[in-house]
C-alpha atoms as a PDB file:
ATOM      1  CA  MET A   1      81.691   6.889 -55.950  1.00  0.00           C
ATOM      2  CA  ASP A   2      83.197   9.474 -53.494  1.00  0.00           C
ATOM      3  CA  THR A   3      83.809  11.952 -56.093  1.00  0.00           C
ATOM      4  CA  PRO A   4      80.851  13.700 -58.503  1.00  0.00           C
ATOM      5  CA  CYS A   5      80.147  11.695 -61.623  1.00  0.00           C
ATOM      6  CA  SER A   6      79.330  13.123 -64.653  1.00  0.00           C
ATOM      7  CA  ASN A   7      75.809  12.471 -66.203  1.00  0.00           C
ATOM      8  CA  SER A   8      77.527  10.332 -68.983  1.00  0.00           C
ATOM      9  CA  GLU A   9      79.638   8.334 -66.450  1.00  0.00           C
ATOM     10  CA  ILE A  10      75.888   7.559 -64.579  1.00  0.00           C
ATOM     11  CA  VAL A  11      73.469   6.785 -67.814  1.00  0.00           C
ATOM     12  CA  ALA A  12      76.767   3.844 -68.630  1.00  0.00           C
ATOM     13  CA  GLY A  13      76.768   2.502 -64.536  1.00  0.00           C
ATOM     14  CA  TYR A  14      72.685   2.944 -64.243  1.00  0.00           C
ATOM     15  CA  PHE A  15      72.855   0.496 -67.783  1.00  0.00           C
ATOM     16  CA  ALA A  16      75.794  -1.356 -66.265  1.00  0.00           C
ATOM     17  CA  ASN A  17      73.378  -2.204 -63.247  1.00  0.00           C
ATOM     18  CA  PHE A  18      70.472  -2.911 -65.514  1.00  0.00           C
ATOM     19  CA  ILE A  19      72.929  -5.701 -66.931  1.00  0.00           C
ATOM     20  CA  GLU A  20      74.740  -7.264 -63.862  1.00  0.00           C
ATOM     21  CA  GLY A  21      70.966  -7.871 -62.295  1.00  0.00           C
ATOM     22  CA  GLY A  22      71.069  -4.578 -59.319  1.00  0.00           C
ATOM     23  CA  ASP A  23      73.920  -5.958 -57.165  1.00  0.00           C
ATOM     24  CA  GLY A  24      76.596  -5.547 -58.883  1.00  0.00           C
ATOM     25  CA  PRO A  25      79.913  -3.079 -59.332  1.00  0.00           C
ATOM     26  CA  ASN A  26      77.544  -0.290 -61.286  1.00  0.00           C
ATOM     27  CA  PHE A  27      75.188  -0.593 -58.174  1.00  0.00           C
ATOM     28  CA  TRP A  28      76.342   3.202 -57.051  1.00  0.00           C
ATOM     29  CA  ALA A  29      74.854   4.606 -60.627  1.00  0.00           C
ATOM     30  CA  PHE A  30      71.086   3.027 -59.188  1.00  0.00           C
ATOM     31  CA  GLU A  31      71.711   4.494 -55.782  1.00  0.00           C
ATOM     32  CA  GLU A  32      73.167   7.979 -57.225  1.00  0.00           C
ATOM     33  CA  MET A  33      70.078   8.342 -59.276  1.00  0.00           C
ATOM     34  CA  SER A  34      67.634   7.709 -57.272  1.00  0.00           C
ATOM     35  CA  GLU A  35      69.717  10.326 -54.626  1.00  0.00           C
ATOM     36  CA  LEU A  36      69.111  12.806 -57.606  1.00  0.00           C
ATOM     37  CA  VAL A  37      65.635  12.292 -57.484  1.00  0.00           C
ATOM     38  CA  SER A  38      65.165  13.242 -54.579  1.00  0.00           C
ATOM     39  CA  ALA A  39      67.751  15.614 -54.054  1.00  0.00           C
ATOM     40  CA  ASP A  40      68.574  17.314 -57.409  1.00  0.00           C
ATOM     41  CA  PRO A  41      64.954  16.304 -59.454  1.00  0.00           C
ATOM     42  CA  GLU A  42      66.008  18.968 -62.440  1.00  0.00           C
ATOM     43  CA  ARG A  43      68.830  16.734 -62.595  1.00  0.00           C
ATOM     44  CA  ALA A  44      67.678  13.625 -62.832  1.00  0.00           C
ATOM     45  CA  TRP A  45      65.016  14.751 -64.898  1.00  0.00           C
ATOM     46  CA  GLY A  46      67.361  15.843 -67.386  1.00  0.00           C
ATOM     47  CA  LEU A  47      69.277  12.148 -66.626  1.00  0.00           C
ATOM     48  CA  ALA A  48      66.150  10.235 -67.329  1.00  0.00           C
ATOM     49  CA  ILE A  49      65.359  12.233 -70.675  1.00  0.00           C
ATOM     50  CA  GLU A  50      69.142  11.602 -71.875  1.00  0.00           C
ATOM     51  CA  MET A  51      68.505   7.865 -70.698  1.00  0.00           C
ATOM     52  CA  LEU A  52      65.429   7.117 -72.380  1.00  0.00           C
ATOM     53  CA  ARG A  53      66.314   9.678 -75.608  1.00  0.00           C
ATOM     54  CA  GLY A  54      69.565   7.417 -76.318  1.00  0.00           C
ATOM     55  CA  SER A  55      67.884   4.212 -75.565  1.00  0.00           C
ATOM     56  CA  SER A  56      66.534   1.627 -78.300  1.00  0.00           C
ATOM     57  CA  ASP A  57      66.298  -1.318 -76.463  1.00  0.00           C
ATOM     58  CA  PRO A  58      62.524  -1.852 -74.829  1.00  0.00           C
ATOM     59  CA  LEU A  59      64.067  -3.414 -71.823  1.00  0.00           C
ATOM     60  CA  TYR A  60      66.164  -0.492 -71.129  1.00  0.00           C
ATOM     61  CA  THR A  61      63.498   2.147 -71.799  1.00  0.00           C
ATOM     62  CA  ALA A  62      61.236  -0.077 -69.060  1.00  0.00           C
ATOM     63  CA  TYR A  63      63.952  -0.123 -66.638  1.00  0.00           C
ATOM     64  CA  VAL A  64      64.451   3.944 -67.052  1.00  0.00           C
ATOM     65  CA  ALA A  65      60.145   4.740 -67.060  1.00  0.00           C
ATOM     66  CA  ALA A  66      59.619   2.425 -64.183  1.00  0.00           C
ATOM     67  CA  GLY A  67      62.177   3.458 -62.193  1.00  0.00           C
ATOM     68  CA  PRO A  68      63.679   7.077 -62.325  1.00  0.00           C
ATOM     69  CA  LEU A  69      60.744   8.417 -64.369  1.00  0.00           C
ATOM     70  CA  GLU A  70      58.439   6.644 -62.571  1.00  0.00           C
ATOM     71  CA  ASP A  71      59.845   8.511 -58.953  1.00  0.00           C
ATOM     72  CA  LEU A  72      59.828  11.699 -60.589  1.00  0.00           C
ATOM     73  CA  LEU A  73      56.633  11.894 -61.556  1.00  0.00           C
ATOM     74  CA  SER A  74      55.627  10.139 -57.581  1.00  0.00           C
ATOM     75  CA  ARG A  75      57.858  12.714 -56.017  1.00  0.00           C
ATOM     76  CA  HIS A  76      57.616  15.431 -58.117  1.00  0.00           C
ATOM     77  CA  GLY A  77      54.344  15.460 -60.416  1.00  0.00           C
ATOM     78  CA  ARG A  78      53.162  18.625 -60.067  1.00  0.00           C
ATOM     79  CA  GLU A  79      56.430  20.606 -61.361  1.00  0.00           C
ATOM     80  CA  LEU A  80      57.273  18.217 -63.974  1.00  0.00           C
ATOM     81  CA  ILE A  81      53.823  17.277 -65.575  1.00  0.00           C
ATOM     82  CA  GLY A  82      53.694  20.911 -67.823  1.00  0.00           C
ATOM     83  CA  ARG A  83      56.754  19.442 -69.360  1.00  0.00           C
ATOM     84  CA  ILE A  84      55.731  15.890 -69.312  1.00  0.00           C
ATOM     85  CA  GLU A  85      52.508  16.632 -71.559  1.00  0.00           C
ATOM     86  CA  VAL A  86      54.579  18.743 -74.439  1.00  0.00           C
ATOM     87  CA  LEU A  87      57.593  16.196 -74.670  1.00  0.00           C
ATOM     88  CA  ALA A  88      54.650  13.314 -74.770  1.00  0.00           C
ATOM     89  CA  LYS A  89      52.810  15.722 -77.598  1.00  0.00           C
ATOM     90  CA  SER A  90      55.852  16.538 -79.710  1.00  0.00           C
ATOM     91  CA  GLU A  91      57.543  12.864 -79.330  1.00  0.00           C
ATOM     92  CA  PRO A  92      56.133   9.587 -80.278  1.00  0.00           C
ATOM     93  CA  TRP A  93      59.181   7.743 -78.181  1.00  0.00           C
ATOM     94  CA  PHE A  94      58.522   9.486 -74.929  1.00  0.00           C
ATOM     95  CA  ARG A  95      54.384   8.563 -74.987  1.00  0.00           C
ATOM     96  CA  GLU A  96      55.562   5.205 -75.509  1.00  0.00           C
ATOM     97  CA  CYS A  97      57.851   5.617 -72.319  1.00  0.00           C
ATOM     98  CA  LEU A  98      54.937   6.801 -70.448  1.00  0.00           C
ATOM     99  CA  VAL A  99      53.099   3.809 -70.502  1.00  0.00           C
ATOM    100  CA  GLY A 100      55.752   2.043 -68.523  1.00  0.00           C
ATOM    101  CA  VAL A 101      54.911   4.060 -65.772  1.00  0.00           C
ATOM    102  CA  TRP A 102      52.855   1.639 -63.384  1.00  0.00           C
ATOM    103  CA  GLY A 103      53.294   2.957 -60.186  1.00  0.00           C
ATOM    104  CA  THR A 104      51.124   5.168 -57.965  1.00  0.00           C
ATOM    105  CA  LEU A 105      50.682   8.747 -58.743  1.00  0.00           C
ATOM    106  CA  GLN A 106      48.372  11.581 -57.610  1.00  0.00           C
ATOM    107  CA  PRO A 107      45.161  11.225 -59.003  1.00  0.00           C
ATOM    108  CA  ASP A 108      45.040  14.758 -61.036  1.00  0.00           C
ATOM    109  CA  ILE A 109      48.668  13.505 -62.395  1.00  0.00           C
ATOM    110  CA  ARG A 110      47.849  10.119 -63.518  1.00  0.00           C
ATOM    111  CA  GLU A 111      44.914  11.653 -65.824  1.00  0.00           C
ATOM    112  CA  ARG A 112      47.019  13.990 -67.105  1.00  0.00           C
ATOM    113  CA  VAL A 113      49.682  11.124 -67.915  1.00  0.00           C
ATOM    114  CA  ASN A 114      47.114   9.191 -69.285  1.00  0.00           C
ATOM    115  CA  ASN A 115      46.229  12.062 -71.769  1.00  0.00           C
ATOM    116  CA  ALA A 116      49.317  12.777 -72.602  1.00  0.00           C
ATOM    117  CA  ILE A 117      50.209   8.725 -73.429  1.00  0.00           C
ATOM    118  CA  LYS A 118      46.980   9.564 -75.730  1.00  0.00           C
ATOM    119  CA  SER A 119      47.861  12.642 -77.199  1.00  0.00           C
ATOM    120  CA  ASP A 120      49.259  13.083 -80.868  1.00  0.00           C
ATOM    121  CA  VAL A 121      51.191  15.597 -82.729  1.00  0.00           C
END
């Protein structure tokens, strides 16, 4: 897409891409989200949380956790870990999402994510 997309368009397109198997007409949303993780992590963080908060399907949750959330932690973990810890402490659904982050993280970030998974209110 050549025109800027709204958050709701990206979210809808991202999940539609998942349903299509990753190479359908909504692949643009996957590419847009990947670009945002690199170029605009603040917006990507907000979108990832919107996707996770709005999903009741565990497959969608896993898709976002192992995708943009994991990528954000891998690339911007030091900037985001504080808010991840705060959100995990207050939101059980988010702790469950963090379990889906399997990728390679900096050791100290991985330790803090693991501790956040174990945190409770």
